[in-house]
PDB file of all heavy atoms in Angstrom:
ATOM      1  N   LEU A   1     103.677  91.467  88.127  1.00  0.00           N
ATOM      2  CA  LEU A   1     102.363  91.504  88.761  1.00  0.00           C
ATOM      3  C   LEU A   1     102.397  90.902  90.163  1.00  0.00           C
ATOM      4  O   LEU A   1     101.710  91.389  91.074  1.00  0.00           O
ATOM      5  CB  LEU A   1     101.348  90.765  87.885  1.00  0.00           C
ATOM      6  CG  LEU A   1     101.082  91.397  86.513  1.00  0.00           C
ATOM      7  CD1 LEU A   1     100.215  90.476  85.656  1.00  0.00           C
ATOM      8  CD2 LEU A   1     100.428  92.763  86.653  1.00  0.00           C
ATOM      9  N   TYR A   2     103.208  89.837  90.355  1.00  0.00           N
ATOM     10  CA  TYR A   2     103.337  89.241  91.683  1.00  0.00           C
ATOM     11  C   TYR A   2     103.925  90.250  92.669  1.00  0.00           C
ATOM     12  O   TYR A   2     103.536  90.293  93.844  1.00  0.00           O
ATOM     13  CB  TYR A   2     104.220  87.991  91.626  1.00  0.00           C
ATOM     14  CG  TYR A   2     103.493  86.725  91.250  1.00  0.00           C
ATOM     15  CD1 TYR A   2     102.478  86.738  90.288  1.00  0.00           C
ATOM     16  CD2 TYR A   2     103.806  85.507  91.835  1.00  0.00           C
ATOM     17  CE1 TYR A   2     101.812  85.588  89.935  1.00  0.00           C
ATOM     18  CE2 TYR A   2     103.147  84.343  91.488  1.00  0.00           C
ATOM     19  CZ  TYR A   2     102.150  84.387  90.538  1.00  0.00           C
ATOM     20  OH  TYR A   2     101.491  83.234  90.191  1.00  0.00           O
ATOM     21  N   ALA A   3     104.876  91.078  92.200  1.00  0.00           N
ATOM     22  CA  ALA A   3     105.480  92.077  93.078  1.00  0.00           C
ATOM     23  C   ALA A   3     104.451  93.112  93.519  1.00  0.00           C
ATOM     24  O   ALA A   3     104.490  93.596  94.659  1.00  0.00           O
ATOM     25  CB  ALA A   3     106.641  92.760  92.360  1.00  0.00           C
ATOM     26  N   LEU A   4     103.515  93.457  92.626  1.00  0.00           N
ATOM     27  CA  LEU A   4     102.460  94.399  93.003  1.00  0.00           C
ATOM     28  C   LEU A   4     101.581  93.798  94.105  1.00  0.00           C
ATOM     29  O   LEU A   4     101.220  94.486  95.075  1.00  0.00           O
ATOM     30  CB  LEU A   4     101.602  94.752  91.789  1.00  0.00           C
ATOM     31  CG  LEU A   4     102.309  95.350  90.568  1.00  0.00           C
ATOM     32  CD1 LEU A   4     101.275  95.764  89.519  1.00  0.00           C
ATOM     33  CD2 LEU A   4     103.178  96.526  90.953  1.00  0.00           C
ATOM     34  N   ILE A   5     101.231  92.515  93.958  1.00  0.00           N
ATOM     35  CA  ILE A   5     100.419  91.854  94.986  1.00  0.00           C
ATOM     36  C   ILE A   5     101.171  91.825  96.311  1.00  0.00           C
ATOM     37  O   ILE A   5     100.602  92.100  97.375  1.00  0.00           O
ATOM     38  CB  ILE A   5     100.051  90.418  94.542  1.00  0.00           C
ATOM     39  CG1 ILE A   5      99.183  90.465  93.284  1.00  0.00           C
ATOM     40  CG2 ILE A   5      99.335  89.675  95.666  1.00  0.00           C
ATOM     41  CD1 ILE A   5      98.894  89.105  92.694  1.00  0.00           C
ATOM     42  N   HIS A   6     102.462  91.465  96.258  1.00  0.00           N
ATOM     43  CA  HIS A   6     103.281  91.437  97.481  1.00  0.00           C
ATOM     44  C   HIS A   6     103.249  92.794  98.168  1.00  0.00           C
ATOM     45  O   HIS A   6     103.037  92.884  99.394  1.00  0.00           O
ATOM     46  CB  HIS A   6     104.717  91.059  97.138  1.00  0.00           C
ATOM     47  CG  HIS A   6     105.663  91.232  98.299  1.00  0.00           C
ATOM     48  ND1 HIS A   6     106.041  90.181  99.114  1.00  0.00           N
ATOM     49  CD2 HIS A   6     106.313  92.329  98.785  1.00  0.00           C
ATOM     50  CE1 HIS A   6     106.863  90.628 100.049  1.00  0.00           C
ATOM     51  NE2 HIS A   6     107.043  91.931  99.865  1.00  0.00           N
ATOM     52  N   ALA A   7     103.472  93.868  97.397  1.00  0.00           N
ATOM     53  CA  ALA A   7     103.501  95.200  97.991  1.00  0.00           C
ATOM     54  C   ALA A   7     102.162  95.544  98.630  1.00  0.00           C
ATOM     55  O   ALA A   7     102.116  96.119  99.730  1.00  0.00           O
ATOM     56  CB  ALA A   7     103.860  96.234  96.923  1.00  0.00           C
ATOM     57  N   MET A   8     101.074  95.189  97.981  1.00  0.00           N
ATOM     58  CA  MET A   8      99.750  95.506  98.512  1.00  0.00           C
ATOM     59  C   MET A   8      99.457  94.734  99.792  1.00  0.00           C
ATOM     60  O   MET A   8      98.796  95.247 100.702  1.00  0.00           O
ATOM     61  CB  MET A   8      98.688  95.217  97.446  1.00  0.00           C
ATOM     62  CG  MET A   8      98.747  96.199  96.283  1.00  0.00           C
ATOM     63  SD  MET A   8      97.817  95.671  94.826  1.00  0.00           S
ATOM     64  CE  MET A   8      96.158  95.571  95.481  1.00  0.00           C
ATOM     65  N   LEU A   9      99.951  93.499  99.860  1.00  0.00           N
ATOM     66  CA  LEU A   9      99.669  92.650 101.027  1.00  0.00           C
ATOM     67  C   LEU A   9     100.636  92.878 102.185  1.00  0.00           C
ATOM     68  O   LEU A   9     100.254  92.717 103.353  1.00  0.00           O
ATOM     69  CB  LEU A   9      99.712  91.171 100.621  1.00  0.00           C
ATOM     70  CG  LEU A   9      98.586  90.670  99.721  1.00  0.00           C
ATOM     71  CD1 LEU A   9      98.854  89.226  99.309  1.00  0.00           C
ATOM     72  CD2 LEU A   9      97.238  90.773 100.424  1.00  0.00           C
ATOM     73  N   HIS A  10     101.884  93.228 101.886  1.00  0.00           N
ATOM     74  CA  HIS A  10     102.916  93.277 102.922  1.00  0.00           C
ATOM     75  C   HIS A  10     103.471  94.667 103.210  1.00  0.00           C
ATOM     76  O   HIS A  10     104.215  94.835 104.172  1.00  0.00           O
ATOM     77  CB  HIS A  10     104.078  92.342 102.538  1.00  0.00           C
ATOM     78  CG  HIS A  10     103.726  90.898 102.601  1.00  0.00           C
ATOM     79  ND1 HIS A  10     103.747  90.158 103.769  1.00  0.00           N
ATOM     80  CD2 HIS A  10     103.314  90.048 101.641  1.00  0.00           C
ATOM     81  CE1 HIS A  10     103.384  88.919 103.521  1.00  0.00           C
ATOM     82  NE2 HIS A  10     103.111  88.819 102.234  1.00  0.00           N
ATOM     83  N   GLU A  11     103.116  95.658 102.402  1.00  0.00           N
ATOM     84  CA  GLU A  11     103.720  96.972 102.591  1.00  0.00           C
ATOM     85  C   GLU A  11     102.689  98.085 102.726  1.00  0.00           C
ATOM     86  O   GLU A  11     103.049  99.259 102.740  1.00  0.00           O
ATOM     87  CB  GLU A  11     104.683  97.263 101.433  1.00  0.00           C
ATOM     88  CG  GLU A  11     105.808  96.238 101.327  1.00  0.00           C
ATOM     89  CD  GLU A  11     106.739  96.486 100.147  1.00  0.00           C
ATOM     90  OE1 GLU A  11     106.587  97.545  99.491  1.00  0.00           O
ATOM     91  OE2 GLU A  11     107.615  95.645  99.875  1.00  0.00           O
ATOM     92  N   HIS A  12     101.404  97.717 102.793  1.00  0.00           N
ATOM     93  CA  HIS A  12     100.356  98.718 102.956  1.00  0.00           C
ATOM     94  C   HIS A  12      99.370  98.250 104.029  1.00  0.00           C
ATOM     95  O   HIS A  12      99.174  97.042 104.216  1.00  0.00           O
ATOM     96  CB  HIS A  12      99.615  98.947 101.636  1.00  0.00           C
ATOM     97  CG  HIS A  12     100.439  99.649 100.597  1.00  0.00           C
ATOM     98  ND1 HIS A  12     100.524 101.010 100.516  1.00  0.00           N
ATOM     99  CD2 HIS A  12     101.228  99.154  99.610  1.00  0.00           C
ATOM    100  CE1 HIS A  12     101.325 101.339  99.522  1.00  0.00           C
ATOM    101  NE2 HIS A  12     101.765 100.232  98.948  1.00  0.00           N
ATOM    102  N   PRO A  13      98.723  99.185 104.726  1.00  0.00           N
ATOM    103  CA  PRO A  13      97.726  98.804 105.742  1.00  0.00           C
ATOM    104  C   PRO A  13      96.568  98.023 105.118  1.00  0.00           C
ATOM    105  O   PRO A  13      96.213  98.253 103.959  1.00  0.00           O
ATOM    106  CB  PRO A  13      97.249 100.150 106.296  1.00  0.00           C
ATOM    107  CG  PRO A  13      98.316 101.138 105.928  1.00  0.00           C
ATOM    108  CD  PRO A  13      98.905 100.649 104.645  1.00  0.00           C
ATOM    109  N   ARG A  14      96.000  97.121 105.881  1.00  0.00           N
ATOM    110  CA  ARG A  14      94.902  96.287 105.380  1.00  0.00           C
ATOM    111  C   ARG A  14      93.709  97.125 104.892  1.00  0.00           C
ATOM    112  O   ARG A  14      93.024  96.745 103.950  1.00  0.00           O
ATOM    113  CB  ARG A  14      94.428  95.326 106.485  1.00  0.00           C
ATOM    114  CG  ARG A  14      95.311  94.140 106.696  1.00  0.00           C
ATOM    115  CD  ARG A  14      95.202  93.153 105.541  1.00  0.00           C
ATOM    116  NE  ARG A  14      96.141  92.050 105.706  1.00  0.00           N
ATOM    117  CZ  ARG A  14      97.339  91.996 105.136  1.00  0.00           C
ATOM    118  NH1 ARG A  14      97.733  92.986 104.334  1.00  0.00           N
ATOM    119  NH2 ARG A  14      98.134  90.989 105.336  1.00  0.00           N
ATOM    120  N   GLU A  15      93.474  98.275 105.536  1.00  0.00           N
ATOM    121  CA  GLU A  15      92.304  99.069 105.156  1.00  0.00           C
ATOM    122  C   GLU A  15      92.436  99.681 103.762  1.00  0.00           C
ATOM    123  O   GLU A  15      91.464 100.219 103.225  1.00  0.00           O
ATOM    124  CB  GLU A  15      92.029 100.174 106.179  1.00  0.00           C
ATOM    125  CG  GLU A  15      93.190 101.101 106.433  1.00  0.00           C
ATOM    126  CD  GLU A  15      94.050 100.641 107.608  1.00  0.00           C
ATOM    127  OE1 GLU A  15      94.007  99.435 107.941  1.00  0.00           O
ATOM    128  OE2 GLU A  15      94.735 101.503 108.184  1.00  0.00           O
ATOM    129  N   ARG A  16      93.623  99.586 103.157  1.00  0.00           N
ATOM    130  CA  ARG A  16      93.774 100.038 101.768  1.00  0.00           C
ATOM    131  C   ARG A  16      93.122  99.048 100.803  1.00  0.00           C
ATOM    132  O   ARG A  16      92.900  99.363  99.627  1.00  0.00           O
ATOM    133  CB  ARG A  16      95.266 100.190 101.419  1.00  0.00           C
ATOM    134  CG  ARG A  16      96.024 101.197 102.251  1.00  0.00           C
ATOM    135  CD  ARG A  16      95.517 102.615 102.065  1.00  0.00           C
ATOM    136  NE  ARG A  16      95.630 103.084 100.693  1.00  0.00           N
ATOM    137  CZ  ARG A  16      96.723 103.622 100.166  1.00  0.00           C
ATOM    138  NH1 ARG A  16      97.817 103.755 100.903  1.00  0.00           N
ATOM    139  NH2 ARG A  16      96.720 104.052  98.921  1.00  0.00           N
ATOM    140  N   LEU A  17      92.825  97.820 101.279  1.00  0.00           N
ATOM    141  CA  LEU A  17      92.156  96.807 100.458  1.00  0.00           C
ATOM    142  C   LEU A  17      90.645  96.890 100.680  1.00  0.00           C
ATOM    143  O   LEU A  17      90.178  97.494 101.650  1.00  0.00           O
ATOM    144  CB  LEU A  17      92.659  95.408 100.824  1.00  0.00           C
ATOM    145  CG  LEU A  17      94.179  95.190 100.795  1.00  0.00           C
ATOM    146  CD1 LEU A  17      94.505  93.757 101.204  1.00  0.00           C
ATOM    147  CD2 LEU A  17      94.754  95.510  99.422  1.00  0.00           C
ATOM    148  N   ASP A  18      89.890  96.248  99.795  1.00  0.00           N
ATOM    149  CA  ASP A  18      88.434  96.213  99.956  1.00  0.00           C
ATOM    150  C   ASP A  18      88.087  95.014 100.838  1.00  0.00           C
ATOM    151  O   ASP A  18      87.751  93.926 100.359  1.00  0.00           O
ATOM    152  CB  ASP A  18      87.751  96.097  98.592  1.00  0.00           C
ATOM    153  CG  ASP A  18      86.251  96.356  98.671  1.00  0.00           C
ATOM    154  OD1 ASP A  18      85.670  96.144  99.757  1.00  0.00           O
ATOM    155  OD2 ASP A  18      85.663  96.761  97.655  1.00  0.00           O
ATOM    156  N   LEU A  19      88.172  95.213 102.135  1.00  0.00           N
ATOM    157  CA  LEU A  19      87.979  94.124 103.090  1.00  0.00           C
ATOM    158  C   LEU A  19      86.562  93.567 103.039  1.00  0.00           C
ATOM    159  O   LEU A  19      86.357  92.358 103.210  1.00  0.00           O
ATOM    160  CB  LEU A  19      88.315  94.612 104.503  1.00  0.00           C
ATOM    161  CG  LEU A  19      89.742  95.144 104.689  1.00  0.00           C
ATOM    162  CD1 LEU A  19      89.960  95.621 106.112  1.00  0.00           C
ATOM    163  CD2 LEU A  19      90.763  94.072 104.315  1.00  0.00           C
ATOM    164  N   HIS A  20      85.586  94.428 102.789  1.00  0.00           N
ATOM    165  CA  HIS A  20      84.203  93.954 102.691  1.00  0.00           C
ATOM    166  C   HIS A  20      84.045  93.000 101.515  1.00  0.00           C
ATOM    167  O   HIS A  20      83.430  91.932 101.650  1.00  0.00           O
ATOM    168  CB  HIS A  20      83.240  95.135 102.546  1.00  0.00           C
ATOM    169  CG  HIS A  20      81.817  94.729 102.315  1.00  0.00           C
ATOM    170  ND1 HIS A  20      80.993  94.285 103.334  1.00  0.00           N
ATOM    171  CD2 HIS A  20      81.075  94.658 101.170  1.00  0.00           C
ATOM    172  CE1 HIS A  20      79.807  93.973 102.832  1.00  0.00           C
ATOM    173  NE2 HIS A  20      79.835  94.190 101.519  1.00  0.00           N
ATOM    174  N   PHE A  21      84.597  93.372 100.359  1.00  0.00           N
ATOM    175  CA  PHE A  21      84.508  92.501  99.184  1.00  0.00           C
ATOM    176  C   PHE A  21      85.202  91.168  99.448  1.00  0.00           C
ATOM    177  O   PHE A  21      84.667  90.097  99.128  1.00  0.00           O
ATOM    178  CB  PHE A  21      85.141  93.194  97.973  1.00  0.00           C
ATOM    179  CG  PHE A  21      85.091  92.370  96.712  1.00  0.00           C
ATOM    180  CD1 PHE A  21      83.975  92.384  95.897  1.00  0.00           C
ATOM    181  CD2 PHE A  21      86.162  91.573  96.339  1.00  0.00           C
ATOM    182  CE1 PHE A  21      83.912  91.621  94.727  1.00  0.00           C
ATOM    183  CE2 PHE A  21      86.124  90.799  95.187  1.00  0.00           C
ATOM    184  CZ  PHE A  21      84.996  90.831  94.382  1.00  0.00           C
ATOM    185  N   LEU A  22      86.390  91.216 100.032  1.00  0.00           N
ATOM    186  CA  LEU A  22      87.131  89.985 100.308  1.00  0.00           C
ATOM    187  C   LEU A  22      86.363  89.080 101.265  1.00  0.00           C
ATOM    188  O   LEU A  22      86.342  87.856 101.101  1.00  0.00           O
ATOM    189  CB  LEU A  22      88.510  90.322 100.886  1.00  0.00           C
ATOM    190  CG  LEU A  22      89.487  90.994  99.913  1.00  0.00           C
ATOM    191  CD1 LEU A  22      90.710  91.515 100.662  1.00  0.00           C
ATOM    192  CD2 LEU A  22      89.912  90.018  98.822  1.00  0.00           C
ATOM    193  N   GLN A  23      85.733  89.675 102.265  1.00  0.00           N
ATOM    194  CA  GLN A  23      85.006  88.891 103.268  1.00  0.00           C
ATOM    195  C   GLN A  23      83.706  88.314 102.711  1.00  0.00           C
ATOM    196  O   GLN A  23      83.359  87.160 102.990  1.00  0.00           O
ATOM    197  CB  GLN A  23      84.676  89.781 104.476  1.00  0.00           C
ATOM    198  CG  GLN A  23      84.034  89.044 105.646  1.00  0.00           C
ATOM    199  CD  GLN A  23      85.053  88.291 106.486  1.00  0.00           C
ATOM    200  OE1 GLN A  23      86.162  88.758 106.671  1.00  0.00           O
ATOM    201  NE2 GLN A  23      84.663  87.141 107.010  1.00  0.00           N
ATOM    202  N   GLN A  24      82.995  89.087 101.878  1.00  0.00           N
ATOM    203  CA  GLN A  24      81.660  88.694 101.457  1.00  0.00           C
ATOM    204  C   GLN A  24      81.589  88.044 100.076  1.00  0.00           C
ATOM    205  O   GLN A  24      80.643  87.317  99.786  1.00  0.00           O
ATOM    206  CB  GLN A  24      80.741  89.926 101.468  1.00  0.00           C
ATOM    207  CG  GLN A  24      80.593  90.573 102.831  1.00  0.00           C
ATOM    208  CD  GLN A  24      79.925  89.654 103.844  1.00  0.00           C
ATOM    209  OE1 GLN A  24      79.034  88.887 103.502  1.00  0.00           O
ATOM    210  NE2 GLN A  24      80.365  89.730 105.098  1.00  0.00           N
TER     211      GLN A  24
END
């Protein structure tokens, strides 16, 4: 599971994440 988080944070563009949810 840690490897999945690493890939999402370090190997994909930020806009692939829910930036609004993270910010708010």
